């Protein structure tokens, strides 16, 4: 029973592509004039869009909020001005903001465990190194011809 408008929250909540809930009260939209050429119409149309998500009001778990604030600060922003249409710029900025939130909210990957190359890998490396050496040596002038 949701609205056809992707920017309208369902029951006061937006969802990121990963399914995280973002409270609608945390989101603000700003439309401004795009820069660049475009004639008289460009001087009167507010087509560039910025969406701001206040992390503290987002309703995300405290651990996730702390992770996001540590990475980018208290507000996650996304802007778009690539299209002449405010609607398309809104879609682009909204998609970018939600993807950025998912990216920042994901827990960090565990550190990679150090491993040693296998015996076969070491032998392959030395064999390739020897072959490269032979190939380069065959390109040299003979030592007696100077």
C-alpha atoms as a PDB file:
ATOM      1  CA  UNK A   1       0.000   0.000   0.000  1.00  0.00           C
ATOM      2  CA  UNK A   2       2.943   2.278  -0.611  1.00  0.00           C
ATOM      3  CA  UNK A   3       2.893   5.434  -2.621  1.00  0.00           C
ATOM      4  CA  UNK A   4       4.157   5.474  -6.190  1.00  0.00           C
ATOM      5  CA  UNK A   5       6.591   8.227  -5.198  1.00  0.00           C
ATOM      6  CA  UNK A   6       9.913   6.588  -4.259  1.00  0.00           C
ATOM      7  CA  UNK A   7      10.797   9.587  -2.090  1.00  0.00           C
ATOM      8  CA  UNK A   8       7.727   9.265   0.125  1.00  0.00           C
ATOM      9  CA  UNK A   9       8.275   7.157   3.234  1.00  0.00           C
ATOM     10  CA  UNK A  10       6.115   4.151   3.967  1.00  0.00           C
ATOM     11  CA  UNK A  11       4.818   4.532   7.531  1.00  0.00           C
ATOM     12  CA  UNK A  12       7.407   7.272   8.154  1.00  0.00           C
ATOM     13  CA  UNK A  13      10.336   5.029   7.206  1.00  0.00           C
ATOM     14  CA  UNK A  14      12.583   4.784   4.137  1.00  0.00           C
ATOM     15  CA  UNK A  15      14.586   1.660   3.372  1.00  0.00           C
ATOM     16  CA  UNK A  16      18.088   1.382   1.949  1.00  0.00           C
ATOM     17  CA  UNK A  17      18.873  -1.268  -0.690  1.00  0.00           C
ATOM     18  CA  UNK A  18      20.224  -3.490   2.119  1.00  0.00           C
ATOM     19  CA  UNK A  19      16.974  -3.072   4.073  1.00  0.00           C
ATOM     20  CA  UNK A  20      18.156  -0.661   6.757  1.00  0.00           C
ATOM     21  CA  UNK A  21      15.410   1.590   8.110  1.00  0.00           C
ATOM     22  CA  UNK A  22      15.879   5.363   7.873  1.00  0.00           C
ATOM     23  CA  UNK A  23      13.332   7.560   9.655  1.00  0.00           C
ATOM     24  CA  UNK A  24      11.831  10.217   7.374  1.00  0.00           C
ATOM     25  CA  UNK A  25      12.480  12.985   9.939  1.00  0.00           C
ATOM     26  CA  UNK A  26      16.227  12.624   9.319  1.00  0.00           C
ATOM     27  CA  UNK A  27      16.000  13.529   5.621  1.00  0.00           C
ATOM     28  CA  UNK A  28      16.081  17.015   4.129  1.00  0.00           C
ATOM     29  CA  UNK A  29      16.048  18.007   0.461  1.00  0.00           C
ATOM     30  CA  UNK A  30      17.549  21.166  -1.047  1.00  0.00           C
ATOM     31  CA  UNK A  31      17.021  22.199  -4.669  1.00  0.00           C
ATOM     32  CA  UNK A  32      19.316  24.819  -6.166  1.00  0.00           C
ATOM     33  CA  UNK A  33      20.147  26.159  -9.587  1.00  0.00           C
ATOM     34  CA  UNK A  34      22.510  24.054 -11.622  1.00  0.00           C
ATOM     35  CA  UNK A  35      25.617  25.667 -13.018  1.00  0.00           C
ATOM     36  CA  UNK A  36      26.704  25.712 -16.610  1.00  0.00           C
ATOM     37  CA  UNK A  37      25.085  26.718 -19.880  1.00  0.00           C
ATOM     38  CA  UNK A  38      21.400  26.357 -20.637  1.00  0.00           C
ATOM     39  CA  UNK A  39      20.012  29.684 -21.702  1.00  0.00           C
ATOM     40  CA  UNK A  40      17.313  31.616 -19.934  1.00  0.00           C
ATOM     41  CA  UNK A  41      15.575  28.491 -18.648  1.00  0.00           C
ATOM     42  CA  UNK A  42      18.667  27.494 -16.605  1.00  0.00           C
ATOM     43  CA  UNK A  43      18.541  30.788 -14.773  1.00  0.00           C
ATOM     44  CA  UNK A  44      15.075  30.111 -13.381  1.00  0.00           C
ATOM     45  CA  UNK A  45      15.020  26.356 -12.736  1.00  0.00           C
ATOM     46  CA  UNK A  46      16.141  24.816  -9.460  1.00  0.00           C
ATOM     47  CA  UNK A  47      17.200  21.449 -10.859  1.00  0.00           C
ATOM     48  CA  UNK A  48      20.317  20.575  -8.836  1.00  0.00           C
ATOM     49  CA  UNK A  49      19.376  18.512  -5.789  1.00  0.00           C
ATOM     50  CA  UNK A  50      21.120  17.715  -2.502  1.00  0.00           C
ATOM     51  CA  UNK A  51      19.763  15.231   0.015  1.00  0.00           C
ATOM     52  CA  UNK A  52      21.028  15.296   3.613  1.00  0.00           C
ATOM     53  CA  UNK A  53      20.512  12.503   6.142  1.00  0.00           C
ATOM     54  CA  UNK A  54      21.107  13.414   9.789  1.00  0.00           C
ATOM     55  CA  UNK A  55      22.644  10.298  11.281  1.00  0.00           C
ATOM     56  CA  UNK A  56      21.534  11.041  14.858  1.00  0.00           C
ATOM     57  CA  UNK A  57      17.865  11.254  13.795  1.00  0.00           C
ATOM     58  CA  UNK A  58      18.015   8.328  11.350  1.00  0.00           C
ATOM     59  CA  UNK A  59      16.829   5.634  13.747  1.00  0.00           C
ATOM     60  CA  UNK A  60      19.807   3.412  12.916  1.00  0.00           C
ATOM     61  CA  UNK A  61      21.319   1.362  15.767  1.00  0.00           C
ATOM     62  CA  UNK A  62      23.826   3.250  17.925  1.00  0.00           C
ATOM     63  CA  UNK A  63      26.755   1.094  16.772  1.00  0.00           C
ATOM     64  CA  UNK A  64      25.971   1.828  13.127  1.00  0.00           C
ATOM     65  CA  UNK A  65      25.482   5.544  13.843  1.00  0.00           C
ATOM     66  CA  UNK A  66      28.868   5.694  15.567  1.00  0.00           C
ATOM     67  CA  UNK A  67      30.514   3.961  12.593  1.00  0.00           C
ATOM     68  CA  UNK A  68      28.968   6.424  10.113  1.00  0.00           C
ATOM     69  CA  UNK A  69      29.763   9.532  12.212  1.00  0.00           C
ATOM     70  CA  UNK A  70      33.379   8.364  12.621  1.00  0.00           C
ATOM     71  CA  UNK A  71      33.693   7.975   8.847  1.00  0.00           C
ATOM     72  CA  UNK A  72      31.945  11.080   7.457  1.00  0.00           C
ATOM     73  CA  UNK A  73      30.506  13.134  10.285  1.00  0.00           C
ATOM     74  CA  UNK A  74      26.966  13.742  11.554  1.00  0.00           C
ATOM     75  CA  UNK A  75      25.376  14.270   8.115  1.00  0.00           C
ATOM     76  CA  UNK A  76      25.533  12.061   5.030  1.00  0.00           C
ATOM     77  CA  UNK A  77      24.968  14.112   1.865  1.00  0.00           C
ATOM     78  CA  UNK A  78      24.563  13.317  -1.803  1.00  0.00           C
ATOM     79  CA  UNK A  79      24.116  15.759  -4.678  1.00  0.00           C
ATOM     80  CA  UNK A  80      23.152  15.503  -8.303  1.00  0.00           C
ATOM     81  CA  UNK A  81      22.987  18.101 -11.049  1.00  0.00           C
ATOM     82  CA  UNK A  82      23.686  15.983 -14.120  1.00  0.00           C
ATOM     83  CA  UNK A  83      20.188  16.148 -15.546  1.00  0.00           C
ATOM     84  CA  UNK A  84      17.973  19.040 -16.615  1.00  0.00           C
ATOM     85  CA  UNK A  85      15.168  17.382 -14.691  1.00  0.00           C
ATOM     86  CA  UNK A  86      14.863  17.909 -10.947  1.00  0.00           C
ATOM     87  CA  UNK A  87      13.020  14.586 -10.722  1.00  0.00           C
ATOM     88  CA  UNK A  88      15.951  12.647 -12.265  1.00  0.00           C
ATOM     89  CA  UNK A  89      18.431  14.550 -10.106  1.00  0.00           C
ATOM     90  CA  UNK A  90      16.354  13.664  -7.027  1.00  0.00           C
ATOM     91  CA  UNK A  91      16.400  10.011  -8.024  1.00  0.00           C
ATOM     92  CA  UNK A  92      20.146  10.068  -8.590  1.00  0.00           C
ATOM     93  CA  UNK A  93      20.928  11.870  -5.319  1.00  0.00           C
ATOM     94  CA  UNK A  94      18.557   9.641  -3.348  1.00  0.00           C
ATOM     95  CA  UNK A  95      20.068   6.458  -4.781  1.00  0.00           C
ATOM     96  CA  UNK A  96      23.588   7.731  -4.031  1.00  0.00           C
ATOM     97  CA  UNK A  97      22.667   8.672  -0.438  1.00  0.00           C
ATOM     98  CA  UNK A  98      21.086   5.283   0.289  1.00  0.00           C
ATOM     99  CA  UNK A  99      24.010   3.382  -1.242  1.00  0.00           C
ATOM    100  CA  UNK A 100      26.460   5.532   0.734  1.00  0.00           C
ATOM    101  CA  UNK A 101      24.561   4.831   3.964  1.00  0.00           C
ATOM    102  CA  UNK A 102      24.668   1.085   3.284  1.00  0.00           C
ATOM    103  CA  UNK A 103      28.367   1.271   2.480  1.00  0.00           C
ATOM    104  CA  UNK A 104      29.173   3.190   5.663  1.00  0.00           C
ATOM    105  CA  UNK A 105      26.878   1.078   7.874  1.00  0.00           C
ATOM    106  CA  UNK A 106      28.443  -2.234   6.884  1.00  0.00           C
ATOM    107  CA  UNK A 107      30.809  -3.626   9.517  1.00  0.00           C
ATOM    108  CA  UNK A 108      34.473  -3.456   8.558  1.00  0.00           C
ATOM    109  CA  UNK A 109      36.014  -6.575   7.073  1.00  0.00           C
ATOM    110  CA  UNK A 110      38.169  -8.555   9.492  1.00  0.00           C
ATOM    111  CA  UNK A 111      41.908  -8.146   8.989  1.00  0.00           C
ATOM    112  CA  UNK A 112      43.402 -10.567   6.512  1.00  0.00           C
ATOM    113  CA  UNK A 113      45.276 -13.467   8.041  1.00  0.00           C
ATOM    114  CA  UNK A 114      48.860 -13.591   6.856  1.00  0.00           C
ATOM    115  CA  UNK A 115      49.642 -16.676   4.839  1.00  0.00           C
ATOM    116  CA  UNK A 116      52.722 -18.088   3.192  1.00  0.00           C
ATOM    117  CA  UNK A 117      52.934 -19.012  -0.468  1.00  0.00           C
ATOM    118  CA  UNK A 118      52.669 -22.734  -1.088  1.00  0.00           C
ATOM    119  CA  UNK A 119      55.649 -24.763  -2.251  1.00  0.00           C
ATOM    120  CA  UNK A 120      54.166 -25.009  -5.749  1.00  0.00           C
ATOM    121  CA  UNK A 121      53.642 -21.241  -5.900  1.00  0.00           C
ATOM    122  CA  UNK A 122      57.267 -20.631  -4.908  1.00  0.00           C
ATOM    123  CA  UNK A 123      58.497 -23.107  -7.540  1.00  0.00           C
ATOM    124  CA  UNK A 124      56.291 -21.500 -10.222  1.00  0.00           C
ATOM    125  CA  UNK A 125      57.625 -18.054  -9.350  1.00  0.00           C
ATOM    126  CA  UNK A 126      61.248 -19.203  -9.535  1.00  0.00           C
ATOM    127  CA  UNK A 127      60.633 -21.074 -12.826  1.00  0.00           C
ATOM    128  CA  UNK A 128      59.041 -17.948 -14.389  1.00  0.00           C
ATOM    129  CA  UNK A 129      61.893 -15.838 -13.090  1.00  0.00           C
ATOM    130  CA  UNK A 130      64.439 -18.210 -14.657  1.00  0.00           C
ATOM    131  CA  UNK A 131      62.568 -18.216 -17.987  1.00  0.00           C
ATOM    132  CA  UNK A 132      62.486 -14.404 -18.043  1.00  0.00           C
ATOM    133  CA  UNK A 133      66.209 -14.320 -17.306  1.00  0.00           C
ATOM    134  CA  UNK A 134      66.933 -16.786 -20.150  1.00  0.00           C
ATOM    135  CA  UNK A 135      64.760 -14.780 -22.569  1.00  0.00           C
ATOM    136  CA  UNK A 136      66.582 -11.532 -21.736  1.00  0.00           C
ATOM    137  CA  UNK A 137      69.991 -13.211 -21.898  1.00  0.00           C
ATOM    138  CA  UNK A 138      69.238 -14.493 -25.412  1.00  0.00           C
ATOM    139  CA  UNK A 139      68.662 -10.888 -26.553  1.00  0.00           C
ATOM    140  CA  UNK A 140      72.163  -9.757 -25.588  1.00  0.00           C
ATOM    141  CA  UNK A 141      75.000  -9.401 -28.053  1.00  0.00           C
ATOM    142  CA  UNK A 142      77.602 -12.114 -27.815  1.00  0.00           C
ATOM    143  CA  UNK A 143      80.492 -11.003 -25.585  1.00  0.00           C
ATOM    144  CA  UNK A 144      83.247 -11.549 -28.229  1.00  0.00           C
ATOM    145  CA  UNK A 145      81.646  -9.369 -30.977  1.00  0.00           C
ATOM    146  CA  UNK A 146      82.483  -5.744 -30.249  1.00  0.00           C
END
